[in-house]
């Protein structure tokens, strides 16, 4: 008991000290010069790292620049102190707190630990939201002897919430392993993905929507032009992200605008192969993004001519709240197939081998659905309520998977009301994330591109945990976050070291392996293996292969605009 209490106190002291004592151990960095001007960052002597925060990588997308592709940032006079994070991009004020609360419950977190996390989230959450948000932060070792690999982080949050500078993405620990980490903000929700016929008519590319994706690509251009000044190698740039950030990885890889900007990729929880909304001309159940844009304008009282002019005059906060009240207009908070940024769906692009051909590490967590299912109907995942009886569940499965319903019900059975919650969550997690990773790994490897597949299984050791290896639970292990989401032990410290080593080795060499660690074999479609990262570490046959294959069939068969996907799978 004394040891346990001691561990609790140490955790609390470390968490508090990270913010209140760490500042006294910093000093100004040397000046560096980039295309926009001179910068001064902060050296953290405790971690031997240096950080440059809140650097503009694009001009503010405000006024008549709202809903237009990002332009290069303006220059400044004198020295810019890059000490503080930039504002987070406009998003509903509800933020991700619902997800955080559910995550704490699912991990079996004690009340005192929940209090610490809530306090931590309060002091470290973005203080302001603004349209003028296109900034990035850079972390690196304070001493650099050669150009270092660059890791560009795309944050998650459903393309609606979040910020690159969120506390759980502090990249100092990664940077201490001789890499340069860049975390970016990009436009979200209605500000990042709004499509409308008038916007399409304005565009020289006959396109609208996808502004958030264009921000990510603009940030990568900025990296090419400036990262050498920070000690980074512009010829060795990896993109990585989790959830919507992983989907962004797939969409950036699928965009021809990214060629020459990226060299490796890591996708944590999916890769965005289930988003098929066309900009124009609705296809089956997929309503066009422009059609949804017109409906949204009508909801906020804008009809008739010159709709975009009037929408640009409205406050960004008002528009963000309005979209939350119309969550069925899901095309307005996700990338769409516009013929320019995304010539076709991510799935079709990967199936044809037309994505940027770079080594890919991809994987999912064992229990992706446990936290997302209960959030249906919340501000984070606002959708219609799911089925409430086994009969309703079976009807849903037969509607979504008409040709494979029998197989799906066999793999994901629900025989009683008591099994409903877990059954839906298992199906949801595999459908949204596991199947995507399986598909992308197969298609990437099938075209001869080096591919590595993982499956994260670590669960909280707390006796009251029920969420398993839930969505986003791998993030503290990737970043060595300054506080644990569940009690720390020696095993978790070792697992964190292994994961960080695999990730940074992949950034450095395009291969995660290192002597003395479990060997991670390349993915082979004819003998599919995955690296288990959890209580056990090592290669094994892909555990859910048959489930993933069953889930894919109807999803791709129904998309008549993507026959290449179906043909590539031999269906």
Foldseek 3Di string as FASTA:
>chain_A
DVVVVVLVVVQLCLLVCVPPVQVVQKDKADWFAAPQGIEIWIQRPVLQKTKFAFAAQFAQCADVSQQPATHGHHHDPDYDYRYDHFAAADAAPVACVLLVVLLLLQQQHDPVVVVVVVVSQVVQPGPHHDSRFWGKMKMARNDADAAFFEEEEDEDQLLHHDFQRGQLNPQSVLRSVGHMYMTTHFHFFLRQFQAAQVSLVVDPLSFTGRNRLSSVLSVLVSCLRGVVSVRHDQQQYEYEYFHVRQLSQLLLQQFPSCPPRHAEYEREFFHNQLAFAACDDADVPRHHSNVLNQVLLVQVPADDPPSVNVVSVDDPNVSNVSCLVVVVSVSSGDHYCTCHRHVGGSLLCLLVVNTRQHEYEYEYEQQAQLSVLVCDCPSSNDDDRQDQWQVSVLVVLCVQQVVLSVVLCVVQPDDGSVSVNVSVRNVVSCLRGVLRRVSNLVSSVVVPGWYAYAYEFAGAPNPSNNRTRYRPQCSCLQRVRSHHSHRDDPVSVVLSVLNSQQVSCCSRPVGSDDPPDAHGDTADVVQGWHFYRYPDTYIDGDPCVVNSVSSPQRSVVSPPVRVSSVVSVVD
